[in-house]
């Protein structure tokens, strides 16, 4: 018997959670007919009925309940493995630092020079104030060096220097590295606790 495909299991979970093909299709970003066919194909692969379609409302059968319970942790583990792999690749590929023009230029050069000793391939991207937050949020940059005041509910901040200069950091693994380099670069103690954007 052919094993179910990961795509089919993801589709199944959406339908099983919503118990509505139309809503599940919208959630998945696909048309309703292909989703219905995928569910029929999955049932054929497994040789069981996953849904009770006899009433006015879609319901899970006992087999459907079992598949939802057993496949959920598998899909979650797969998603976690993909994210961890991507993070590992990003660390291996270097560090992208974004800075607003004129923000502690000399200090930035010292920080980047020391980071290059630890992470070959460090890039510095000069960008506008608003764009820096977007770059960290969407993964185009790992660290943003900004001057205060800077508030962004989607980013966690660390005040690195009494000058003051702040850093928005993407990735828990990079926070410690940025902190160590910042301390060496400034020769002063940081003025606040470290915060980071979590990579789940």
N, C-alpha and C. Protein backbone atom coordinates (compact mmCIF):
# COMPACT_ATOMS: atom_id res chain seq x y z
N UNK A 1 0.85 -1.19 0.00
CA UNK A 1 0.00 0.00 0.00
C UNK A 1 0.89 1.26 0.00
N UNK A 2 0.69 2.20 -0.95
CA UNK A 2 1.49 3.42 -0.97
C UNK A 2 1.29 4.23 0.30
N UNK A 3 2.37 4.79 0.82
CA UNK A 3 2.26 5.59 2.04
C UNK A 3 1.71 6.97 1.71
N UNK A 4 1.01 7.58 2.65
CA UNK A 4 0.50 8.94 2.44
C UNK A 4 1.64 9.92 2.22
N UNK A 5 1.38 10.93 1.41
CA UNK A 5 2.35 11.98 1.20
C UNK A 5 2.21 13.04 2.30
N UNK A 6 3.31 13.73 2.58
CA UNK A 6 3.28 14.78 3.59
C UNK A 6 2.22 15.83 3.24
N UNK A 7 2.14 16.17 1.97
CA UNK A 7 1.15 17.17 1.54
C UNK A 7 -0.26 16.71 1.88
N UNK A 8 -0.54 15.44 1.65
CA UNK A 8 -1.87 14.92 1.96
C UNK A 8 -2.16 14.99 3.46
N UNK A 9 -1.16 14.71 4.27
CA UNK A 9 -1.35 14.78 5.72
C UNK A 9 -1.58 16.21 6.19
N UNK A 10 -0.89 17.16 5.57
CA UNK A 10 -1.13 18.56 5.92
C UNK A 10 -2.55 18.97 5.54
N UNK A 11 -2.96 18.57 4.36
CA UNK A 11 -4.33 18.86 3.92
C UNK A 11 -5.34 18.23 4.88
N UNK A 12 -5.07 16.98 5.23
CA UNK A 12 -5.99 16.28 6.13
C UNK A 12 -6.11 17.02 7.46
N UNK A 13 -4.99 17.45 8.02
CA UNK A 13 -5.05 18.13 9.31
C UNK A 13 -5.91 19.39 9.22
N UNK A 14 -5.75 20.14 8.13
CA UNK A 14 -6.55 21.36 7.98
C UNK A 14 -8.04 21.04 7.92
N UNK A 15 -8.40 20.02 7.14
CA UNK A 15 -9.81 19.64 7.02
C UNK A 15 -10.33 19.09 8.35
N UNK A 16 -9.53 18.27 9.00
CA UNK A 16 -9.94 17.66 10.27
C UNK A 16 -10.13 18.70 11.36
N UNK A 17 -9.32 19.74 11.35
CA UNK A 17 -9.44 20.79 12.36
C UNK A 17 -10.63 21.70 12.09
N UNK A 18 -10.87 21.99 10.80
CA UNK A 18 -11.98 22.88 10.45
C UNK A 18 -13.31 22.15 10.29
N UNK A 19 -13.23 20.86 9.91
CA UNK A 19 -14.42 20.07 9.58
C UNK A 19 -15.31 20.80 8.58
N UNK A 20 -14.61 21.46 7.64
CA UNK A 20 -15.30 22.19 6.58
C UNK A 20 -14.32 22.33 5.41
N UNK A 21 -14.67 21.71 4.29
CA UNK A 21 -13.76 21.70 3.14
C UNK A 21 -13.51 23.11 2.62
N UNK A 22 -14.55 23.92 2.56
CA UNK A 22 -14.40 25.27 2.02
C UNK A 22 -13.44 26.10 2.88
N UNK A 23 -13.64 26.09 4.20
CA UNK A 23 -12.76 26.86 5.08
C UNK A 23 -11.33 26.32 5.04
N UNK A 24 -11.19 25.00 5.01
CA UNK A 24 -9.85 24.41 4.97
C UNK A 24 -9.14 24.78 3.67
N UNK A 25 -9.88 24.79 2.56
CA UNK A 25 -9.28 25.16 1.27
C UNK A 25 -8.79 26.60 1.30
N UNK A 26 -9.60 27.49 1.88
CA UNK A 26 -9.19 28.90 1.99
C UNK A 26 -7.95 29.02 2.87
N UNK A 27 -7.93 28.29 3.95
CA UNK A 27 -6.79 28.32 4.87
C UNK A 27 -5.52 27.82 4.20
N UNK A 28 -5.66 26.82 3.35
CA UNK A 28 -4.50 26.24 2.66
C UNK A 28 -4.13 27.00 1.39
N UNK A 29 -5.02 27.87 0.94
CA UNK A 29 -4.76 28.63 -0.28
C UNK A 29 -4.91 27.82 -1.55
N UNK A 30 -5.80 26.84 -1.54
CA UNK A 30 -6.05 26.03 -2.73
C UNK A 30 -7.55 26.01 -3.00
N UNK A 31 -7.92 25.51 -4.18
CA UNK A 31 -9.33 25.40 -4.53
C UNK A 31 -9.96 24.21 -3.81
N UNK A 32 -11.26 24.26 -3.66
CA UNK A 32 -11.97 23.21 -2.94
C UNK A 32 -11.93 21.85 -3.64
N UNK A 33 -12.16 21.77 -4.97
CA UNK A 33 -12.18 20.45 -5.63
C UNK A 33 -10.89 19.65 -5.47
N UNK A 34 -9.70 20.27 -5.68
CA UNK A 34 -8.46 19.50 -5.47
C UNK A 34 -8.30 19.01 -4.03
N UNK A 35 -8.78 19.79 -3.06
CA UNK A 35 -8.69 19.37 -1.67
C UNK A 35 -9.60 18.17 -1.41
N UNK A 36 -10.80 18.21 -1.96
CA UNK A 36 -11.72 17.07 -1.80
C UNK A 36 -11.12 15.82 -2.43
N UNK A 37 -10.52 15.98 -3.61
CA UNK A 37 -9.90 14.82 -4.28
C UNK A 37 -8.74 14.28 -3.46
N UNK A 38 -7.96 15.19 -2.86
CA UNK A 38 -6.82 14.76 -2.05
C UNK A 38 -7.29 13.95 -0.84
N UNK A 39 -8.41 14.35 -0.25
CA UNK A 39 -8.93 13.60 0.90
C UNK A 39 -9.43 12.22 0.47
N UNK A 40 -10.07 12.14 -0.68
CA UNK A 40 -10.52 10.85 -1.19
C UNK A 40 -9.32 9.95 -1.50
N UNK A 41 -8.28 10.56 -2.07
CA UNK A 41 -7.08 9.79 -2.40
C UNK A 41 -6.40 9.28 -1.14
N UNK A 42 -6.37 10.10 -0.11
CA UNK A 42 -5.76 9.69 1.16
C UNK A 42 -6.54 8.53 1.76
N UNK A 43 -7.85 8.61 1.72
CA UNK A 43 -8.67 7.52 2.23
C UNK A 43 -8.43 6.24 1.44
N UNK A 44 -8.27 6.39 0.12
CA UNK A 44 -8.00 5.22 -0.72
C UNK A 44 -6.64 4.61 -0.39
N UNK A 45 -5.65 5.47 -0.16
CA UNK A 45 -4.31 4.97 0.19
C UNK A 45 -4.36 4.16 1.49
N UNK A 46 -5.10 4.68 2.46
CA UNK A 46 -5.14 4.04 3.77
C UNK A 46 -6.15 2.91 3.85
N UNK A 47 -7.09 2.90 2.92
CA UNK A 47 -8.10 1.85 2.93
C UNK A 47 -9.15 2.02 4.01
N UNK A 48 -9.35 3.26 4.46
CA UNK A 48 -10.35 3.53 5.51
C UNK A 48 -11.07 4.84 5.19
N UNK A 49 -12.25 5.02 5.78
CA UNK A 49 -12.94 6.30 5.71
C UNK A 49 -12.45 7.17 6.86
N UNK A 50 -11.97 8.35 6.52
CA UNK A 50 -11.50 9.28 7.54
C UNK A 50 -12.59 10.25 7.98
N UNK A 51 -13.57 10.45 7.11
CA UNK A 51 -14.65 11.40 7.38
C UNK A 51 -16.00 10.71 7.22
N UNK A 52 -16.92 11.11 8.05
CA UNK A 52 -18.31 10.69 7.92
C UNK A 52 -19.04 11.80 7.18
N UNK A 53 -19.45 11.52 5.97
CA UNK A 53 -20.09 12.52 5.12
C UNK A 53 -21.60 12.31 5.04
N UNK A 54 -22.15 11.49 5.90
CA UNK A 54 -23.57 11.13 5.79
C UNK A 54 -24.49 12.23 6.30
N UNK A 55 -24.02 13.04 7.21
CA UNK A 55 -24.87 14.09 7.79
C UNK A 55 -24.69 15.41 7.08
N UNK A 56 -25.29 16.44 7.64
CA UNK A 56 -25.17 17.78 7.08
C UNK A 56 -23.82 18.40 7.41
N UNK A 57 -23.15 17.86 8.40
CA UNK A 57 -21.86 18.38 8.83
C UNK A 57 -20.81 17.30 8.74
N UNK A 58 -19.64 17.67 8.23
CA UNK A 58 -18.53 16.73 8.11
C UNK A 58 -18.05 16.33 9.51
N UNK A 59 -17.85 15.05 9.72
CA UNK A 59 -17.38 14.55 11.02
C UNK A 59 -16.22 13.59 10.80
N UNK A 60 -15.34 13.50 11.79
CA UNK A 60 -14.25 12.53 11.74
C UNK A 60 -14.75 11.16 12.17
N UNK A 61 -14.29 10.14 11.48
CA UNK A 61 -14.54 8.77 11.94
C UNK A 61 -13.51 8.44 13.01
N UNK A 62 -13.63 7.26 13.59
CA UNK A 62 -12.63 6.83 14.57
C UNK A 62 -11.25 6.77 13.94
N UNK A 63 -11.19 6.32 12.68
CA UNK A 63 -9.91 6.28 11.97
C UNK A 63 -9.37 7.69 11.75
N UNK A 64 -10.26 8.62 11.43
CA UNK A 64 -9.85 10.01 11.24
C UNK A 64 -9.32 10.63 12.52
N UNK A 65 -10.00 10.35 13.63
CA UNK A 65 -9.52 10.85 14.93
C UNK A 65 -8.13 10.32 15.23
N UNK A 66 -7.92 9.05 14.94
CA UNK A 66 -6.61 8.44 15.20
C UNK A 66 -5.53 9.07 14.33
N UNK A 67 -5.83 9.27 13.04
CA UNK A 67 -4.84 9.86 12.15
C UNK A 67 -4.51 11.29 12.57
N UNK A 68 -5.52 12.06 12.97
CA UNK A 68 -5.27 13.43 13.41
C UNK A 68 -4.36 13.44 14.63
N UNK A 69 -4.63 12.57 15.57
CA UNK A 69 -3.84 12.52 16.81
C UNK A 69 -2.41 12.06 16.54
N UNK A 70 -2.26 11.05 15.68
CA UNK A 70 -0.93 10.46 15.46
C UNK A 70 -0.08 11.26 14.48
N UNK A 71 -0.71 11.91 13.50
CA UNK A 71 0.06 12.61 12.47
C UNK A 71 0.47 14.01 12.91
N UNK A 72 -0.27 14.60 13.86
CA UNK A 72 0.04 15.96 14.29
C UNK A 72 1.47 16.13 14.79
N UNK A 73 1.92 15.32 15.75
CA UNK A 73 3.29 15.45 16.23
C UNK A 73 4.33 15.21 15.14
N UNK A 74 4.02 14.34 14.18
CA UNK A 74 4.95 14.06 13.09
C UNK A 74 5.12 15.31 12.23
N UNK A 75 4.01 15.95 11.88
CA UNK A 75 4.08 17.17 11.06
C UNK A 75 4.76 18.30 11.82
N UNK A 76 4.48 18.42 13.11
CA UNK A 76 5.13 19.45 13.92
C UNK A 76 6.64 19.22 13.99
N UNK A 77 7.04 17.97 14.15
CA UNK A 77 8.47 17.64 14.21
C UNK A 77 9.15 17.94 12.88
N UNK A 78 8.45 17.66 11.78
CA UNK A 78 9.01 17.95 10.46
C UNK A 78 9.19 19.45 10.27
N UNK A 79 8.18 20.23 10.66
CA UNK A 79 8.29 21.68 10.55
C UNK A 79 9.46 22.21 11.38
N UNK A 80 9.61 21.67 12.58
CA UNK A 80 10.71 22.08 13.45
C UNK A 80 12.05 21.73 12.84
N UNK A 81 12.15 20.55 12.23
CA UNK A 81 13.40 20.13 11.60
C UNK A 81 13.76 21.05 10.44
N UNK A 82 12.75 21.45 9.68
CA UNK A 82 13.00 22.36 8.55
C UNK A 82 13.51 23.70 9.06
N UNK A 83 12.86 24.24 10.09
CA UNK A 83 13.29 25.53 10.63
C UNK A 83 14.70 25.46 11.20
N UNK A 84 15.01 24.39 11.92
CA UNK A 84 16.35 24.25 12.50
C UNK A 84 17.40 24.12 11.41
N UNK A 85 17.07 23.40 10.35
CA UNK A 85 17.99 23.25 9.23
C UNK A 85 18.25 24.60 8.57
N UNK A 86 17.20 25.38 8.37
CA UNK A 86 17.36 26.69 7.76
C UNK A 86 18.19 27.61 8.63
N UNK A 87 17.96 27.55 9.96
CA UNK A 87 18.76 28.37 10.86
C UNK A 87 20.22 27.98 10.83
N UNK A 88 20.48 26.67 10.80
CA UNK A 88 21.86 26.19 10.75
C UNK A 88 22.54 26.66 9.48
N UNK A 89 21.82 26.63 8.38
CA UNK A 89 22.38 27.10 7.12
C UNK A 89 22.65 28.59 7.14
N UNK A 90 21.77 29.34 7.80
CA UNK A 90 21.96 30.79 7.89
C UNK A 90 23.19 31.13 8.70
N UNK A 91 23.40 30.40 9.82
CA UNK A 91 24.58 30.64 10.65
C UNK A 91 25.85 30.31 9.88
N UNK A 92 25.82 29.20 9.16
CA UNK A 92 26.99 28.79 8.39
C UNK A 92 27.28 29.78 7.27
N UNK A 93 26.23 30.42 6.76
CA UNK A 93 26.39 31.33 5.64
C UNK A 93 26.84 32.71 6.03
N UNK A 94 26.96 33.01 7.31
CA UNK A 94 27.42 34.32 7.73
C UNK A 94 26.35 35.09 8.46
N UNK A 95 26.60 36.37 8.64
CA UNK A 95 25.72 37.24 9.41
C UNK A 95 25.50 38.51 8.60
N UNK A 96 24.26 38.95 8.50
CA UNK A 96 23.95 40.18 7.78
C UNK A 96 23.58 41.24 8.79
N UNK A 97 24.35 42.33 8.81
CA UNK A 97 24.12 43.43 9.73
C UNK A 97 23.60 44.61 8.94
N UNK A 98 22.47 45.17 9.36
CA UNK A 98 21.94 46.35 8.70
C UNK A 98 22.07 47.55 9.62
N UNK A 99 22.45 48.69 9.06
CA UNK A 99 22.64 49.89 9.87
C UNK A 99 22.14 51.10 9.10
N UNK A 100 21.58 52.04 9.84
CA UNK A 100 21.14 53.31 9.25
C UNK A 100 22.36 54.17 8.96
N UNK A 101 22.37 54.89 7.84
CA UNK A 101 23.52 55.75 7.54
C UNK A 101 23.81 56.70 8.70
N UNK A 102 25.08 56.76 9.09
CA UNK A 102 25.50 57.69 10.12
C UNK A 102 25.40 57.17 11.54
N UNK A 103 24.89 55.95 11.73
CA UNK A 103 24.77 55.40 13.08
C UNK A 103 26.09 54.77 13.49
N UNK A 104 26.82 55.44 14.35
CA UNK A 104 28.05 54.90 14.94
C UNK A 104 28.92 54.21 13.90
N UNK A 105 29.28 54.94 12.85
CA UNK A 105 29.99 54.34 11.73
C UNK A 105 31.30 53.70 12.15
N UNK A 106 32.09 54.42 12.94
CA UNK A 106 33.38 53.86 13.36
C UNK A 106 33.19 52.62 14.22
N UNK A 107 32.23 52.69 15.13
CA UNK A 107 31.96 51.55 15.99
C UNK A 107 31.45 50.36 15.18
N UNK A 108 30.60 50.64 14.20
CA UNK A 108 30.08 49.58 13.34
C UNK A 108 31.22 48.86 12.63
N UNK A 109 32.18 49.60 12.13
CA UNK A 109 33.31 48.99 11.44
C UNK A 109 34.10 48.07 12.38
N UNK A 110 34.26 48.49 13.62
CA UNK A 110 34.98 47.64 14.58
C UNK A 110 34.20 46.37 14.89
N UNK A 111 32.89 46.52 15.07
CA UNK A 111 32.05 45.35 15.35
C UNK A 111 32.11 44.36 14.20
N UNK A 112 31.95 44.86 12.99
CA UNK A 112 31.95 43.98 11.82
C UNK A 112 33.31 43.30 11.66
N UNK A 113 34.38 44.04 11.90
CA UNK A 113 35.71 43.45 11.79
C UNK A 113 35.88 42.28 12.75
N UNK A 114 35.38 42.44 13.97
CA UNK A 114 35.51 41.35 14.94
C UNK A 114 34.56 40.20 14.62
N UNK A 115 33.37 40.53 14.12
CA UNK A 115 32.44 39.47 13.73
C UNK A 115 33.02 38.62 12.60
N UNK A 116 33.75 39.25 11.70
CA UNK A 116 34.32 38.51 10.57
C UNK A 116 35.33 37.48 11.05
N UNK A 117 35.95 37.75 12.19
CA UNK A 117 36.87 36.75 12.75
C UNK A 117 36.10 35.51 13.20
N UNK A 118 34.86 35.72 13.67
CA UNK A 118 34.06 34.61 14.18
C UNK A 118 33.18 34.00 13.10
N UNK A 119 32.68 34.83 12.20
CA UNK A 119 31.77 34.36 11.14
C UNK A 119 32.21 34.91 9.80
N UNK A 120 32.94 34.13 9.01
CA UNK A 120 33.30 34.59 7.67
C UNK A 120 32.03 34.89 6.87
N UNK A 121 32.11 35.91 6.04
CA UNK A 121 30.97 36.22 5.20
C UNK A 121 30.01 37.21 5.79
N UNK A 122 30.42 37.94 6.84
CA UNK A 122 29.55 38.97 7.40
C UNK A 122 29.33 40.06 6.35
N UNK A 123 28.09 40.45 6.17
CA UNK A 123 27.76 41.52 5.24
C UNK A 123 27.17 42.69 6.02
N UNK A 124 27.45 43.90 5.55
CA UNK A 124 26.85 45.09 6.14
C UNK A 124 25.96 45.73 5.09
N UNK A 125 24.70 45.95 5.44
CA UNK A 125 23.74 46.56 4.52
C UNK A 125 23.30 47.88 5.13
N UNK A 126 23.52 48.97 4.41
CA UNK A 126 23.08 50.28 4.87
C UNK A 126 21.65 50.49 4.37
N UNK A 127 20.74 50.75 5.30
CA UNK A 127 19.33 50.87 4.92
C UNK A 127 18.66 51.95 5.74
N UNK A 128 17.49 52.36 5.29
CA UNK A 128 16.73 53.39 5.98
C UNK A 128 16.19 52.89 7.31
N UNK A 129 15.73 53.84 8.13
CA UNK A 129 15.30 53.52 9.49
C UNK A 129 14.18 52.48 9.51
N UNK A 130 13.11 52.73 8.75
CA UNK A 130 11.98 51.80 8.76
C UNK A 130 12.32 50.46 8.15
N UNK A 131 13.17 50.48 7.13
CA UNK A 131 13.49 49.24 6.43
C UNK A 131 14.30 48.29 7.31
N UNK A 132 15.06 48.81 8.24
CA UNK A 132 15.88 47.95 9.09
C UNK A 132 15.03 46.93 9.84
N UNK A 133 13.93 47.40 10.44
CA UNK A 133 13.06 46.50 11.18
C UNK A 133 12.48 45.44 10.25
N UNK A 134 12.06 45.86 9.05
CA UNK A 134 11.50 44.90 8.10
C UNK A 134 12.54 43.86 7.70
N UNK A 135 13.79 44.29 7.53
CA UNK A 135 14.83 43.36 7.11
C UNK A 135 15.09 42.29 8.16
N UNK A 136 15.07 42.68 9.44
CA UNK A 136 15.28 41.70 10.51
C UNK A 136 14.07 40.78 10.60
N UNK A 137 12.88 41.37 10.49
CA UNK A 137 11.65 40.58 10.64
C UNK A 137 11.51 39.52 9.56
N UNK A 138 11.83 39.89 8.30
CA UNK A 138 11.62 38.91 7.22
C UNK A 138 12.85 38.08 6.90
N UNK A 139 13.91 38.23 7.71
CA UNK A 139 15.06 37.35 7.55
C UNK A 139 16.13 37.83 6.61
N UNK A 140 15.98 39.03 6.02
CA UNK A 140 17.03 39.54 5.14
C UNK A 140 18.25 40.01 5.92
N UNK A 141 18.07 40.31 7.19
CA UNK A 141 19.18 40.72 8.05
C UNK A 141 19.05 40.01 9.39
N UNK A 142 20.18 39.82 10.04
CA UNK A 142 20.20 39.15 11.34
C UNK A 142 20.26 40.15 12.49
N UNK A 143 20.95 41.27 12.27
CA UNK A 143 21.14 42.27 13.32
C UNK A 143 20.90 43.65 12.72
N UNK A 144 20.21 44.51 13.46
CA UNK A 144 20.04 45.90 13.05
C UNK A 144 20.65 46.80 14.11
N UNK A 145 21.54 47.69 13.71
CA UNK A 145 22.12 48.67 14.63
C UNK A 145 21.36 49.97 14.45
N UNK A 146 20.74 50.44 15.51
CA UNK A 146 19.88 51.62 15.42
C UNK A 146 20.17 52.57 16.57
N UNK A 147 19.81 53.83 16.37
CA UNK A 147 19.94 54.81 17.45
C UNK A 147 18.57 55.02 18.07
N UNK A 148 18.54 55.35 19.34
CA UNK A 148 17.29 55.58 20.04
C UNK A 148 16.74 56.96 19.68
N UNK A 149 15.43 57.18 19.76
CA UNK A 149 14.42 56.21 20.19
C UNK A 149 14.07 55.23 19.07
N UNK A 150 13.89 53.99 19.43
CA UNK A 150 13.48 52.97 18.46
C UNK A 150 12.55 52.01 19.16
N UNK A 151 11.32 51.94 18.70
CA UNK A 151 10.33 51.04 19.28
C UNK A 151 9.72 50.21 18.17
N UNK A 152 9.67 48.91 18.37
CA UNK A 152 9.01 48.02 17.41
C UNK A 152 8.49 46.83 18.18
N UNK A 153 7.17 46.65 18.23
CA UNK A 153 6.61 45.54 19.03
C UNK A 153 6.99 44.17 18.50
N UNK A 154 7.42 44.10 17.23
CA UNK A 154 7.77 42.80 16.67
C UNK A 154 9.21 42.40 16.91
N UNK A 155 10.03 43.31 17.45
CA UNK A 155 11.44 43.02 17.68
C UNK A 155 11.77 43.24 19.15
N UNK A 156 12.70 42.46 19.62
CA UNK A 156 13.21 42.66 20.97
C UNK A 156 14.55 43.39 20.86
N UNK A 157 14.82 44.22 21.83
CA UNK A 157 15.96 45.12 21.72
C UNK A 157 16.97 44.90 22.85
N UNK A 158 18.20 45.25 22.55
CA UNK A 158 19.24 45.32 23.58
C UNK A 158 19.94 46.66 23.46
N UNK A 159 20.03 47.40 24.54
CA UNK A 159 20.81 48.62 24.54
C UNK A 159 22.26 48.22 24.77
N UNK A 160 23.08 48.44 23.77
CA UNK A 160 24.46 47.95 23.82
C UNK A 160 25.42 48.95 24.45
N UNK A 161 25.17 50.24 24.24
CA UNK A 161 26.15 51.23 24.66
C UNK A 161 25.46 52.39 25.35
N UNK A 162 26.23 53.07 26.19
CA UNK A 162 25.70 54.25 26.87
C UNK A 162 25.58 55.43 25.92
N UNK A 163 26.06 55.27 24.68
CA UNK A 163 26.01 56.40 23.74
C UNK A 163 24.62 56.90 23.37
N UNK A 164 23.51 56.27 23.24
CA UNK A 164 23.26 54.84 23.25
C UNK A 164 23.12 54.33 21.81
N UNK A 165 23.35 53.05 21.65
CA UNK A 165 23.14 52.38 20.38
C UNK A 165 22.41 51.10 20.68
N UNK A 166 21.38 50.77 19.92
CA UNK A 166 20.61 49.56 20.16
C UNK A 166 20.82 48.56 19.06
N UNK A 167 20.56 47.31 19.35
CA UNK A 167 20.66 46.27 18.33
C UNK A 167 19.42 45.40 18.33
N UNK A 168 18.79 45.29 17.18
CA UNK A 168 17.68 44.34 17.04
C UNK A 168 18.25 43.08 16.44
N UNK A 169 18.06 41.96 17.07
CA UNK A 169 18.76 40.74 16.69
C UNK A 169 17.78 39.64 16.31
N UNK A 170 18.05 38.95 15.21
CA UNK A 170 17.22 37.82 14.81
C UNK A 170 17.96 36.54 15.14
N UNK A 171 17.38 35.69 15.97
CA UNK A 171 17.99 34.40 16.24
C UNK A 171 18.68 34.36 17.58
N UNK A 172 18.23 33.47 18.43
CA UNK A 172 18.78 33.38 19.78
C UNK A 172 20.27 33.07 19.75
N UNK A 173 20.72 32.26 18.80
CA UNK A 173 22.12 31.85 18.75
C UNK A 173 23.03 33.02 18.48
N UNK A 174 22.49 34.08 17.83
CA UNK A 174 23.35 35.20 17.46
C UNK A 174 23.43 36.26 18.55
N UNK A 175 22.53 36.22 19.50
CA UNK A 175 22.48 37.27 20.51
C UNK A 175 23.76 37.32 21.31
N UNK A 176 24.20 36.17 21.79
CA UNK A 176 25.42 36.13 22.59
C UNK A 176 26.62 36.63 21.83
N UNK A 177 26.71 36.24 20.57
CA UNK A 177 27.84 36.67 19.74
C UNK A 177 27.82 38.18 19.57
N UNK A 178 26.65 38.75 19.28
CA UNK A 178 26.54 40.19 19.09
C UNK A 178 26.89 40.92 20.38
N UNK A 179 26.44 40.37 21.52
CA UNK A 179 26.71 41.01 22.80
C UNK A 179 28.20 41.02 23.10
N UNK A 180 28.86 39.87 22.87
CA UNK A 180 30.29 39.78 23.16
C UNK A 180 31.08 40.77 22.31
N UNK A 181 30.74 40.82 21.03
CA UNK A 181 31.46 41.72 20.13
C UNK A 181 31.19 43.17 20.48
N UNK A 182 29.94 43.47 20.84
CA UNK A 182 29.60 44.84 21.19
C UNK A 182 30.39 45.31 22.40
N UNK A 183 30.52 44.44 23.40
CA UNK A 183 31.28 44.81 24.60
C UNK A 183 32.73 45.08 24.25
N UNK A 184 33.30 44.22 23.40
CA UNK A 184 34.70 44.42 23.02
C UNK A 184 34.85 45.71 22.23
N UNK A 185 33.86 45.97 21.36
CA UNK A 185 33.96 47.14 20.49
C UNK A 185 33.83 48.45 21.24
N UNK A 186 32.98 48.47 22.27
CA UNK A 186 32.72 49.72 22.97
C UNK A 186 33.62 49.92 24.18
N UNK A 187 34.07 48.82 24.77
CA UNK A 187 34.85 48.92 25.99
C UNK A 187 34.02 49.28 27.19
N UNK A 188 32.67 49.22 27.05
CA UNK A 188 31.78 49.57 28.16
C UNK A 188 30.80 48.45 28.40
N UNK A 189 30.19 48.50 29.56
CA UNK A 189 29.15 47.51 29.86
C UNK A 189 27.88 47.88 29.14
N UNK A 190 27.13 46.89 28.69
CA UNK A 190 25.85 47.18 28.05
C UNK A 190 24.90 47.80 29.06
N UNK A 191 23.98 48.62 28.57
CA UNK A 191 23.09 49.34 29.47
C UNK A 191 21.79 48.64 29.76
N UNK A 192 21.50 47.47 29.12
CA UNK A 192 20.22 46.81 29.36
C UNK A 192 20.34 45.34 29.04
N UNK A 193 19.28 44.60 29.38
CA UNK A 193 19.28 43.16 29.14
C UNK A 193 19.13 42.85 27.67
N UNK A 194 19.63 41.68 27.26
CA UNK A 194 19.54 41.26 25.87
C UNK A 194 18.14 40.78 25.56
N UNK A 195 17.66 41.14 24.37
CA UNK A 195 16.40 40.62 23.88
C UNK A 195 16.64 40.16 22.45
N UNK A 196 15.83 39.25 21.95
CA UNK A 196 16.03 38.76 20.59
C UNK A 196 14.71 38.41 19.95
N UNK A 197 14.73 38.43 18.60
CA UNK A 197 13.59 37.91 17.86
C UNK A 197 13.71 36.41 17.86
N UNK A 198 12.68 35.70 18.32
CA UNK A 198 12.76 34.25 18.43
C UNK A 198 12.58 33.59 17.08
N UNK A 199 13.47 32.63 16.75
CA UNK A 199 13.31 31.81 15.56
C UNK A 199 12.75 30.48 15.99
N UNK A 200 11.48 30.24 15.80
CA UNK A 200 10.84 29.05 16.31
C UNK A 200 11.07 27.84 15.44
